[in-house]
Amino acid sequence: MANLASTLWNQGRWDAAEELFVQVMETFKKKLGADHPSTLTSMANLAWTWKSLERSAEAISLLQECVRLRCQILPAGHPDLVSSLKTLAAWEAEQAVSTLIIRL
């Protein structure tokens, strides 16, 4: 199911991908636990999907939770953690710029 969701995402079919990524994440949470690496990967994938659907606030919130959990279970230099931190920083900076532009 995760592979199908990824394929749909790569095709730009984000609504269909979102539905599957939610199912994958919830299934992994129940079967493997909220802090399992596979659960966190599915969480990051869902965050990317929400970002693609222009649901930035939700995407940032979910990725923040993903980063928080990855910080607890992965070593500091782990590629998944580093990637999530970089993405989160970029998204938060983008959101801050958008907020400033709106205020001007």
PDB file of N, CA and C in Angstrom:
ATOM      1  N   MET A   1       0.817  -1.187   0.000  1.00  0.00           N
ATOM      2  CA  MET A   1       0.000   0.000   0.000  1.00  0.00           C
ATOM      3  C   MET A   1       0.868   1.261   0.000  1.00  0.00           C
ATOM      4  N   ALA A   2       1.969   1.236   0.753  1.00  0.00           N
ATOM      5  CA  ALA A   2       2.877   2.381   0.787  1.00  0.00           C
ATOM      6  C   ALA A   2       3.496   2.617  -0.583  1.00  0.00           C
ATOM      7  N   ASN A   3       3.831   1.535  -1.279  1.00  0.00           N
ATOM      8  CA  ASN A   3       4.401   1.679  -2.618  1.00  0.00           C
ATOM      9  C   ASN A   3       3.397   2.293  -3.583  1.00  0.00           C
ATOM     10  N   LEU A   4       2.149   1.874  -3.495  1.00  0.00           N
ATOM     11  CA  LEU A   4       1.109   2.443  -4.350  1.00  0.00           C
ATOM     12  C   LEU A   4       0.920   3.926  -4.033  1.00  0.00           C
ATOM     13  N   ALA A   5       0.916   4.263  -2.765  1.00  0.00           N
ATOM     14  CA  ALA A   5       0.783   5.667  -2.368  1.00  0.00           C
ATOM     15  C   ALA A   5       1.934   6.495  -2.934  1.00  0.00           C
ATOM     16  N   SER A   6       3.141   5.964  -2.872  1.00  0.00           N
ATOM     17  CA  SER A   6       4.305   6.667  -3.420  1.00  0.00           C
ATOM     18  C   SER A   6       4.191   6.834  -4.929  1.00  0.00           C
ATOM     19  N   THR A   7       3.712   5.803  -5.594  1.00  0.00           N
ATOM     20  CA  THR A   7       3.526   5.881  -7.044  1.00  0.00           C
ATOM     21  C   THR A   7       2.505   6.961  -7.391  1.00  0.00           C
ATOM     22  N   LEU A   8       1.400   6.984  -6.665  1.00  0.00           N
ATOM     23  CA  LEU A   8       0.380   8.007  -6.898  1.00  0.00           C
ATOM     24  C   LEU A   8       0.945   9.398  -6.643  1.00  0.00           C
ATOM     25  N   TRP A   9       1.735   9.534  -5.602  1.00  0.00           N
ATOM     26  CA  TRP A   9       2.348  10.827  -5.284  1.00  0.00           C
ATOM     27  C   TRP A   9       3.264  11.264  -6.425  1.00  0.00           C
ATOM     28  N   ASN A  10       4.084  10.334  -6.906  1.00  0.00           N
ATOM     29  CA  ASN A  10       5.003  10.646  -8.006  1.00  0.00           C
ATOM     30  C   ASN A  10       4.271  11.029  -9.287  1.00  0.00           C
ATOM     31  N   GLN A  11       3.049  10.558  -9.436  1.00  0.00           N
ATOM     32  CA  GLN A  11       2.226  10.895 -10.600  1.00  0.00           C
ATOM     33  C   GLN A  11       1.458  12.204 -10.399  1.00  0.00           C
ATOM     34  N   GLY A  12       1.615  12.814  -9.229  1.00  0.00           N
ATOM     35  CA  GLY A  12       0.900  14.048  -8.941  1.00  0.00           C
ATOM     36  C   GLY A  12      -0.542  13.835  -8.529  1.00  0.00           C
ATOM     37  N   ARG A  13      -0.880  12.615  -8.196  1.00  0.00           N
ATOM     38  CA  ARG A  13      -2.244  12.287  -7.763  1.00  0.00           C
ATOM     39  C   ARG A  13      -2.288  12.335  -6.235  1.00  0.00           C
ATOM     40  N   TRP A  14      -2.124  13.552  -5.707  1.00  0.00           N
ATOM     41  CA  TRP A  14      -1.914  13.737  -4.280  1.00  0.00           C
ATOM     42  C   TRP A  14      -3.127  13.399  -3.430  1.00  0.00           C
ATOM     43  N   ASP A  15      -4.324  13.652  -3.930  1.00  0.00           N
ATOM     44  CA  ASP A  15      -5.517  13.296  -3.148  1.00  0.00           C
ATOM     45  C   ASP A  15      -5.598  11.790  -2.920  1.00  0.00           C
ATOM     46  N   ALA A  16      -5.352  11.033  -3.980  1.00  0.00           N
ATOM     47  CA  ALA A  16      -5.383   9.567  -3.860  1.00  0.00           C
ATOM     48  C   ALA A  16      -4.236   9.078  -2.981  1.00  0.00           C
ATOM     49  N   ALA A  17      -3.065   9.698  -3.140  1.00  0.00           N
ATOM     50  CA  ALA A  17      -1.906   9.320  -2.328  1.00  0.00           C
ATOM     51  C   ALA A  17      -2.164   9.617  -0.855  1.00  0.00           C
ATOM     52  N   GLU A  18      -2.792  10.753  -0.578  1.00  0.00           N
ATOM     53  CA  GLU A  18      -3.077  11.125   0.808  1.00  0.00           C
ATOM     54  C   GLU A  18      -3.910  10.053   1.503  1.00  0.00           C
ATOM     55  N   GLU A  19      -4.944   9.619   0.846  1.00  0.00           N
ATOM     56  CA  GLU A  19      -5.826   8.612   1.436  1.00  0.00           C
ATOM     57  C   GLU A  19      -5.044   7.360   1.831  1.00  0.00           C
ATOM     58  N   LEU A  20      -4.166   6.913   0.948  1.00  0.00           N
ATOM     59  CA  LEU A  20      -3.376   5.713   1.242  1.00  0.00           C
ATOM     60  C   LEU A  20      -2.318   5.977   2.307  1.00  0.00           C
ATOM     61  N   PHE A  21      -1.643   7.132   2.235  1.00  0.00           N
ATOM     62  CA  PHE A  21      -0.621   7.438   3.236  1.00  0.00           C
ATOM     63  C   PHE A  21      -1.224   7.519   4.639  1.00  0.00           C
ATOM     64  N   VAL A  22      -2.437   8.039   4.757  1.00  0.00           N
ATOM     65  CA  VAL A  22      -3.107   8.074   6.066  1.00  0.00           C
ATOM     66  C   VAL A  22      -3.338   6.650   6.560  1.00  0.00           C
ATOM     67  N   GLN A  23      -3.826   5.789   5.683  1.00  0.00           N
ATOM     68  CA  GLN A  23      -4.070   4.394   6.063  1.00  0.00           C
ATOM     69  C   GLN A  23      -2.775   3.697   6.470  1.00  0.00           C
ATOM     70  N   VAL A  24      -1.722   3.924   5.695  1.00  0.00           N
ATOM     71  CA  VAL A  24      -0.424   3.308   5.997  1.00  0.00           C
ATOM     72  C   VAL A  24       0.077   3.778   7.356  1.00  0.00           C
ATOM     73  N   MET A  25       0.033   5.087   7.587  1.00  0.00           N
ATOM     74  CA  MET A  25       0.529   5.624   8.851  1.00  0.00           C
ATOM     75  C   MET A  25      -0.265   5.071  10.036  1.00  0.00           C
ATOM     76  N   GLU A  26      -1.575   5.050   9.929  1.00  0.00           N
ATOM     77  CA  GLU A  26      -2.403   4.544  11.027  1.00  0.00           C
ATOM     78  C   GLU A  26      -2.168   3.052  11.262  1.00  0.00           C
ATOM     79  N   THR A  27      -2.013   2.296  10.200  1.00  0.00           N
ATOM     80  CA  THR A  27      -1.734   0.858  10.333  1.00  0.00           C
ATOM     81  C   THR A  27      -0.392   0.631  11.010  1.00  0.00           C
ATOM     82  N   PHE A  28       0.636   1.364  10.563  1.00  0.00           N
ATOM     83  CA  PHE A  28       1.956   1.220  11.174  1.00  0.00           C
ATOM     84  C   PHE A  28       1.932   1.627  12.645  1.00  0.00           C
ATOM     85  N   LYS A  29       1.206   2.696  12.972  1.00  0.00           N
ATOM     86  CA  LYS A  29       1.110   3.121  14.375  1.00  0.00           C
ATOM     87  C   LYS A  29       0.540   2.003  15.237  1.00  0.00           C
ATOM     88  N   LYS A  30      -0.522   1.368  14.751  1.00  0.00           N
ATOM     89  CA  LYS A  30      -1.170   0.299  15.516  1.00  0.00           C
ATOM     90  C   LYS A  30      -0.303  -0.951  15.604  1.00  0.00           C
ATOM     91  N   LYS A  31       0.313  -1.334  14.500  1.00  0.00           N
ATOM     92  CA  LYS A  31       1.058  -2.597  14.440  1.00  0.00           C
ATOM     93  C   LYS A  31       2.489  -2.479  14.965  1.00  0.00           C
ATOM     94  N   LEU A  32       3.147  -1.338  14.674  1.00  0.00           N
ATOM     95  CA  LEU A  32       4.569  -1.200  14.990  1.00  0.00           C
ATOM     96  C   LEU A  32       4.858  -0.200  16.108  1.00  0.00           C
ATOM     97  N   GLY A  33       3.917   0.695  16.356  1.00  0.00           N
ATOM     98  CA  GLY A  33       4.123   1.739  17.356  1.00  0.00           C
ATOM     99  C   GLY A  33       4.379   3.085  16.704  1.00  0.00           C
ATOM    100  N   ALA A  34       4.072   4.141  17.445  1.00  0.00           N
ATOM    101  CA  ALA A  34       4.175   5.500  16.914  1.00  0.00           C
ATOM    102  C   ALA A  34       5.600   5.925  16.609  1.00  0.00           C
ATOM    103  N   ASP A  35       6.577   5.311  17.288  1.00  0.00           N
ATOM    104  CA  ASP A  35       7.962   5.741  17.094  1.00  0.00           C
ATOM    105  C   ASP A  35       8.791   4.763  16.258  1.00  0.00           C
ATOM    106  N   HIS A  36       8.143   3.841  15.582  1.00  0.00           N
ATOM    107  CA  HIS A  36       8.871   2.906  14.714  1.00  0.00           C
ATOM    108  C   HIS A  36       9.338   3.649  13.459  1.00  0.00           C
ATOM    109  N   PRO A  37      10.545   3.369  12.976  1.00  0.00           N
ATOM    110  CA  PRO A  37      11.047   4.059  11.781  1.00  0.00           C
ATOM    111  C   PRO A  37      10.102   3.997  10.573  1.00  0.00           C
ATOM    112  N   SER A  38       9.432   2.880  10.367  1.00  0.00           N
ATOM    113  CA  SER A  38       8.494   2.784   9.239  1.00  0.00           C
ATOM    114  C   SER A  38       7.287   3.696   9.441  1.00  0.00           C
ATOM    115  N   THR A  39       6.828   3.805  10.673  1.00  0.00           N
ATOM    116  CA  THR A  39       5.729   4.721  10.979  1.00  0.00           C
ATOM    117  C   THR A  39       6.159   6.152  10.701  1.00  0.00           C
ATOM    118  N   LEU A  40       7.378   6.483  11.104  1.00  0.00           N
ATOM    119  CA  LEU A  40       7.871   7.848  10.925  1.00  0.00           C
ATOM    120  C   LEU A  40       8.102   8.174   9.453  1.00  0.00           C
ATOM    121  N   THR A  41       8.519   7.195   8.677  1.00  0.00           N
ATOM    122  CA  THR A  41       8.659   7.405   7.234  1.00  0.00           C
ATOM    123  C   THR A  41       7.298   7.682   6.611  1.00  0.00           C
ATOM    124  N   SER A  42       6.296   6.919   7.019  1.00  0.00           N
ATOM    125  CA  SER A  42       4.954   7.149   6.479  1.00  0.00           C
ATOM    126  C   SER A  42       4.420   8.511   6.919  1.00  0.00           C
ATOM    127  N   MET A  43       4.773   8.930   8.118  1.00  0.00           N
ATOM    128  CA  MET A  43       4.370  10.241   8.614  1.00  0.00           C
ATOM    129  C   MET A  43       4.998  11.352   7.763  1.00  0.00           C
ATOM    130  N   ALA A  44       6.283  11.202   7.477  1.00  0.00           N
ATOM    131  CA  ALA A  44       6.968  12.188   6.633  1.00  0.00           C
ATOM    132  C   ALA A  44       6.368  12.206   5.228  1.00  0.00           C
ATOM    133  N   ASN A  45       6.043  11.042   4.704  1.00  0.00           N
ATOM    134  CA  ASN A  45       5.429  10.978   3.378  1.00  0.00           C
ATOM    135  C   ASN A  45       4.076  11.686   3.356  1.00  0.00           C
ATOM    136  N   LEU A  46       3.300  11.514   4.401  1.00  0.00           N
ATOM    137  CA  LEU A  46       2.012  12.197   4.481  1.00  0.00           C
ATOM    138  C   LEU A  46       2.219  13.707   4.585  1.00  0.00           C
ATOM    139  N   ALA A  47       3.220  14.124   5.339  1.00  0.00           N
ATOM    140  CA  ALA A  47       3.518  15.558   5.445  1.00  0.00           C
ATOM    141  C   ALA A  47       3.860  16.136   4.069  1.00  0.00           C
ATOM    142  N   TRP A  48       4.681  15.426   3.311  1.00  0.00           N
ATOM    143  CA  TRP A  48       5.017  15.866   1.950  1.00  0.00           C
ATOM    144  C   TRP A  48       3.769  15.948   1.079  1.00  0.00           C
ATOM    145  N   THR A  49       2.872  15.010   1.258  1.00  0.00           N
ATOM    146  CA  THR A  49       1.635  15.008   0.475  1.00  0.00           C
ATOM    147  C   THR A  49       0.792  16.224   0.823  1.00  0.00           C
ATOM    148  N   TRP A  50       0.656  16.512   2.109  1.00  0.00           N
ATOM    149  CA  TRP A  50      -0.107  17.693   2.517  1.00  0.00           C
ATOM    150  C   TRP A  50       0.535  18.964   1.989  1.00  0.00           C
ATOM    151  N   LYS A  51       1.851  19.008   1.990  1.00  0.00           N
ATOM    152  CA  LYS A  51       2.554  20.174   1.439  1.00  0.00           C
ATOM    153  C   LYS A  51       2.224  20.323  -0.044  1.00  0.00           C
ATOM    154  N   SER A  52       2.210  19.216  -0.767  1.00  0.00           N
ATOM    155  CA  SER A  52       1.876  19.241  -2.192  1.00  0.00           C
ATOM    156  C   SER A  52       0.433  19.687  -2.425  1.00  0.00           C
ATOM    157  N   LEU A  53      -0.428  19.402  -1.470  1.00  0.00           N
ATOM    158  CA  LEU A  53      -1.837  19.805  -1.548  1.00  0.00           C
ATOM    159  C   LEU A  53      -2.056  21.221  -1.010  1.00  0.00           C
ATOM    160  N   GLU A  54      -0.951  21.933  -0.747  1.00  0.00           N
ATOM    161  CA  GLU A  54      -0.977  23.302  -0.237  1.00  0.00           C
ATOM    162  C   GLU A  54      -1.635  23.399   1.138  1.00  0.00           C
ATOM    163  N   ARG A  55      -1.434  22.370   1.926  1.00  0.00           N
ATOM    164  CA  ARG A  55      -1.901  22.352   3.316  1.00  0.00           C
ATOM    165  C   ARG A  55      -0.665  22.463   4.218  1.00  0.00           C
ATOM    166  N   SER A  56       0.025  23.589   4.044  1.00  0.00           N
ATOM    167  CA  SER A  56       1.337  23.776   4.669  1.00  0.00           C
ATOM    168  C   SER A  56       1.313  23.709   6.184  1.00  0.00           C
ATOM    169  N   ALA A  57       0.330  24.320   6.804  1.00  0.00           N
ATOM    170  CA  ALA A  57       0.289  24.320   8.274  1.00  0.00           C
ATOM    171  C   ALA A  57       0.177  22.900   8.813  1.00  0.00           C
ATOM    172  N   GLU A  58      -0.672  22.096   8.188  1.00  0.00           N
ATOM    173  CA  GLU A  58      -0.818  20.700   8.615  1.00  0.00           C
ATOM    174  C   GLU A  58       0.461  19.913   8.343  1.00  0.00           C
ATOM    175  N   ALA A  59       1.074  20.180   7.200  1.00  0.00           N
ATOM    176  CA  ALA A  59       2.308  19.483   6.843  1.00  0.00           C
ATOM    177  C   ALA A  59       3.415  19.792   7.846  1.00  0.00           C
ATOM    178  N   ILE A  60       3.538  21.056   8.198  1.00  0.00           N
ATOM    179  CA  ILE A  60       4.569  21.463   9.157  1.00  0.00           C
ATOM    180  C   ILE A  60       4.309  20.835  10.519  1.00  0.00           C
ATOM    181  N   SER A  61       3.084  20.862  10.959  1.00  0.00           N
ATOM    182  CA  SER A  61       2.744  20.277  12.258  1.00  0.00           C
ATOM    183  C   SER A  61       3.075  18.789  12.304  1.00  0.00           C
ATOM    184  N   LEU A  62       2.720  18.069  11.256  1.00  0.00           N
ATOM    185  CA  LEU A  62       3.000  16.632  11.218  1.00  0.00           C
ATOM    186  C   LEU A  62       4.501  16.369  11.144  1.00  0.00           C
ATOM    187  N   LEU A  63       5.210  17.159  10.349  1.00  0.00           N
ATOM    188  CA  LEU A  63       6.655  16.960  10.247  1.00  0.00           C
ATOM    189  C   LEU A  63       7.355  17.322  11.557  1.00  0.00           C
ATOM    190  N   GLN A  64       6.844  18.302  12.275  1.00  0.00           N
ATOM    191  CA  GLN A  64       7.403  18.622  13.597  1.00  0.00           C
ATOM    192  C   GLN A  64       7.302  17.418  14.526  1.00  0.00           C
ATOM    193  N   GLU A  65       6.157  16.757  14.507  1.00  0.00           N
ATOM    194  CA  GLU A  65       5.973  15.558  15.337  1.00  0.00           C
ATOM    195  C   GLU A  65       6.913  14.450  14.884  1.00  0.00           C
ATOM    196  N   CYS A  66       7.059  14.296  13.588  1.00  0.00           N
ATOM    197  CA  CYS A  66       7.966  13.287  13.040  1.00  0.00           C
ATOM    198  C   CYS A  66       9.406  13.551  13.490  1.00  0.00           C
ATOM    199  N   VAL A  67       9.833  14.799  13.399  1.00  0.00           N
ATOM    200  CA  VAL A  67      11.190  15.168  13.822  1.00  0.00           C
ATOM    201  C   VAL A  67      11.363  14.918  15.317  1.00  0.00           C
ATOM    202  N   ARG A  68      10.369  15.295  16.102  1.00  0.00           N
ATOM    203  CA  ARG A  68      10.452  15.082  17.557  1.00  0.00           C
ATOM    204  C   ARG A  68      10.675  13.605  17.872  1.00  0.00           C
ATOM    205  N   LEU A  69       9.913  12.745  17.220  1.00  0.00           N
ATOM    206  CA  LEU A  69      10.053  11.308  17.460  1.00  0.00           C
ATOM    207  C   LEU A  69      11.365  10.767  16.904  1.00  0.00           C
ATOM    208  N   ARG A  70      11.764  11.236  15.733  1.00  0.00           N
ATOM    209  CA  ARG A  70      13.040  10.781  15.168  1.00  0.00           C
ATOM    210  C   ARG A  70      14.212  11.189  16.056  1.00  0.00           C
ATOM    211  N   CYS A  71      14.130  12.355  16.673  1.00  0.00           N
ATOM    212  CA  CYS A  71      15.193  12.789  17.591  1.00  0.00           C
ATOM    213  C   CYS A  71      15.325  11.845  18.780  1.00  0.00           C
ATOM    214  N   GLN A  72      14.231  11.225  19.169  1.00  0.00           N
ATOM    215  CA  GLN A  72      14.243  10.309  20.309  1.00  0.00           C
ATOM    216  C   GLN A  72      14.830   8.945  19.969  1.00  0.00           C
ATOM    217  N   ILE A  73      14.694   8.510  18.714  1.00  0.00           N
ATOM    218  CA  ILE A  73      15.087   7.131  18.398  1.00  0.00           C
ATOM    219  C   ILE A  73      16.280   7.003  17.464  1.00  0.00           C
ATOM    220  N   LEU A  74      16.649   8.074  16.776  1.00  0.00           N
ATOM    221  CA  LEU A  74      17.740   7.985  15.803  1.00  0.00           C
ATOM    222  C   LEU A  74      18.959   8.760  16.289  1.00  0.00           C
ATOM    223  N   PRO A  75      20.157   8.317  15.907  1.00  0.00           N
ATOM    224  CA  PRO A  75      21.356   9.078  16.258  1.00  0.00           C
ATOM    225  C   PRO A  75      21.378  10.415  15.511  1.00  0.00           C
ATOM    226  N   ALA A  76      22.116  11.362  16.050  1.00  0.00           N
ATOM    227  CA  ALA A  76      22.102  12.739  15.551  1.00  0.00           C
ATOM    228  C   ALA A  76      22.369  12.868  14.050  1.00  0.00           C
ATOM    229  N   GLY A  77      23.246  12.084  13.500  1.00  0.00           N
ATOM    230  CA  GLY A  77      23.590  12.234  12.092  1.00  0.00           C
ATOM    231  C   GLY A  77      22.823  11.339  11.140  1.00  0.00           C
ATOM    232  N   HIS A  78      21.808  10.654  11.622  1.00  0.00           N
ATOM    233  CA  HIS A  78      21.072   9.709  10.776  1.00  0.00           C
ATOM    234  C   HIS A  78      20.454  10.451   9.585  1.00  0.00           C
ATOM    235  N   PRO A  79      20.586   9.893   8.381  1.00  0.00           N
ATOM    236  CA  PRO A  79      20.085  10.577   7.175  1.00  0.00           C
ATOM    237  C   PRO A  79      18.594  10.935   7.223  1.00  0.00           C
ATOM    238  N   ASP A  80      17.773  10.078   7.794  1.00  0.00           N
ATOM    239  CA  ASP A  80      16.338  10.381   7.876  1.00  0.00           C
ATOM    240  C   ASP A  80      16.079  11.582   8.780  1.00  0.00           C
ATOM    241  N   LEU A  81      16.808  11.650   9.876  1.00  0.00           N
ATOM    242  CA  LEU A  81      16.658  12.770  10.799  1.00  0.00           C
ATOM    243  C   LEU A  81      17.166  14.061  10.160  1.00  0.00           C
ATOM    244  N   VAL A  82      18.336  13.998   9.554  1.00  0.00           N
ATOM    245  CA  VAL A  82      18.917  15.180   8.911  1.00  0.00           C
ATOM    246  C   VAL A  82      17.994  15.699   7.808  1.00  0.00           C
ATOM    247  N   SER A  83      17.493  14.797   6.993  1.00  0.00           N
ATOM    248  CA  SER A  83      16.591  15.181   5.907  1.00  0.00           C
ATOM    249  C   SER A  83      15.324  15.844   6.441  1.00  0.00           C
ATOM    250  N   SER A  84      14.750  15.263   7.478  1.00  0.00           N
ATOM    251  CA  SER A  84      13.529  15.829   8.067  1.00  0.00           C
ATOM    252  C   SER A  84      13.789  17.202   8.677  1.00  0.00           C
ATOM    253  N   LEU A  85      14.920  17.354   9.339  1.00  0.00           N
ATOM    254  CA  LEU A  85      15.264  18.649   9.935  1.00  0.00           C
ATOM    255  C   LEU A  85      15.438  19.721   8.867  1.00  0.00           C
ATOM    256  N   LYS A  86      16.126  19.379   7.779  1.00  0.00           N
ATOM    257  CA  LYS A  86      16.326  20.340   6.687  1.00  0.00           C
ATOM    258  C   LYS A  86      14.999  20.722   6.047  1.00  0.00           C
ATOM    259  N   THR A  87      14.167  19.735   5.817  1.00  0.00           N
ATOM    260  CA  THR A  87      12.862  20.003   5.211  1.00  0.00           C
ATOM    261  C   THR A  87      12.019  20.879   6.121  1.00  0.00           C
ATOM    262  N   LEU A  88      11.983  20.547   7.402  1.00  0.00           N
ATOM    263  CA  LEU A  88      11.202  21.324   8.357  1.00  0.00           C
ATOM    264  C   LEU A  88      11.693  22.769   8.410  1.00  0.00           C
ATOM    265  N   ALA A  89      13.000  22.957   8.445  1.00  0.00           N
ATOM    266  CA  ALA A  89      13.555  24.313   8.477  1.00  0.00           C
ATOM    267  C   ALA A  89      13.151  25.100   7.229  1.00  0.00           C
ATOM    268  N   ALA A  90      13.207  24.459   6.080  1.00  0.00           N
ATOM    269  CA  ALA A  90      12.832  25.127   4.828  1.00  0.00           C
ATOM    270  C   ALA A  90      11.353  25.495   4.816  1.00  0.00           C
ATOM    271  N   TRP A  91      10.512  24.558   5.244  1.00  0.00           N
ATOM    272  CA  TRP A  91       9.068  24.826   5.254  1.00  0.00           C
ATOM    273  C   TRP A  91       8.716  25.928   6.241  1.00  0.00           C
ATOM    274  N   GLU A  92       9.349  25.910   7.410  1.00  0.00           N
ATOM    275  CA  GLU A  92       9.066  26.941   8.410  1.00  0.00           C
ATOM    276  C   GLU A  92       9.544  28.307   7.927  1.00  0.00           C
ATOM    277  N   ALA A  93      10.696  28.347   7.259  1.00  0.00           N
ATOM    278  CA  ALA A  93      11.195  29.609   6.709  1.00  0.00           C
ATOM    279  C   ALA A  93      10.257  30.127   5.619  1.00  0.00           C
ATOM    280  N   GLU A  94       9.804  29.235   4.772  1.00  0.00           N
ATOM    281  CA  GLU A  94       8.857  29.603   3.712  1.00  0.00           C
ATOM    282  C   GLU A  94       7.570  30.168   4.304  1.00  0.00           C
ATOM    283  N   GLN A  95       7.095  29.538   5.361  1.00  0.00           N
ATOM    284  CA  GLN A  95       5.875  30.007   6.016  1.00  0.00           C
ATOM    285  C   GLN A  95       6.097  31.380   6.648  1.00  0.00           C
ATOM    286  N   ALA A  96       7.267  31.590   7.251  1.00  0.00           N
ATOM    287  CA  ALA A  96       7.577  32.876   7.875  1.00  0.00           C
ATOM    288  C   ALA A  96       7.627  33.985   6.828  1.00  0.00           C
ATOM    289  N   VAL A  97       8.235  33.714   5.685  1.00  0.00           N
ATOM    290  CA  VAL A  97       8.301  34.698   4.603  1.00  0.00           C
ATOM    291  C   VAL A  97       6.895  35.018   4.103  1.00  0.00           C
ATOM    292  N   SER A  98       6.082  34.001   3.925  1.00  0.00           N
ATOM    293  CA  SER A  98       4.703  34.215   3.473  1.00  0.00           C
ATOM    294  C   SER A  98       3.932  35.080   4.462  1.00  0.00           C
ATOM    295  N   THR A  99       4.143  34.838   5.736  1.00  0.00           N
ATOM    296  CA  THR A  99       3.470  35.620   6.773  1.00  0.00           C
ATOM    297  C   THR A  99       3.912  37.077   6.718  1.00  0.00           C
ATOM    298  N   LEU A 100       5.203  37.312   6.519  1.00  0.00           N
ATOM    299  CA  LEU A 100       5.714  38.682   6.424  1.00  0.00           C
ATOM    300  C   LEU A 100       5.159  39.394   5.202  1.00  0.00           C
ATOM    301  N   ILE A 101       5.096  38.695   4.094  1.00  0.00           N
ATOM    302  CA  ILE A 101       4.580  39.296   2.865  1.00  0.00           C
ATOM    303  C   ILE A 101       3.118  39.691   3.040  1.00  0.00           C
ATOM    304  N   ILE A 102       2.354  38.837   3.679  1.00  0.00           N
ATOM    305  CA  ILE A 102       0.938  39.134   3.913  1.00  0.00           C
ATOM    306  C   ILE A 102       0.791  40.374   4.793  1.00  0.00           C
ATOM    307  N   ARG A 103       1.664  40.517   5.777  1.00  0.00           N
ATOM    308  CA  ARG A 103       1.587  41.667   6.690  1.00  0.00           C
ATOM    309  C   ARG A 103       1.953  42.969   5.988  1.00  0.00           C
ATOM    310  N   LEU A 104       2.804  42.879   4.980  1.00  0.00           N
ATOM    311  CA  LEU A 104       3.220  44.091   4.264  1.00  0.00           C
ATOM    312  C   LEU A 104       2.132  44.488   3.318  1.00  0.00           C
TER     313      LEU A 104
END
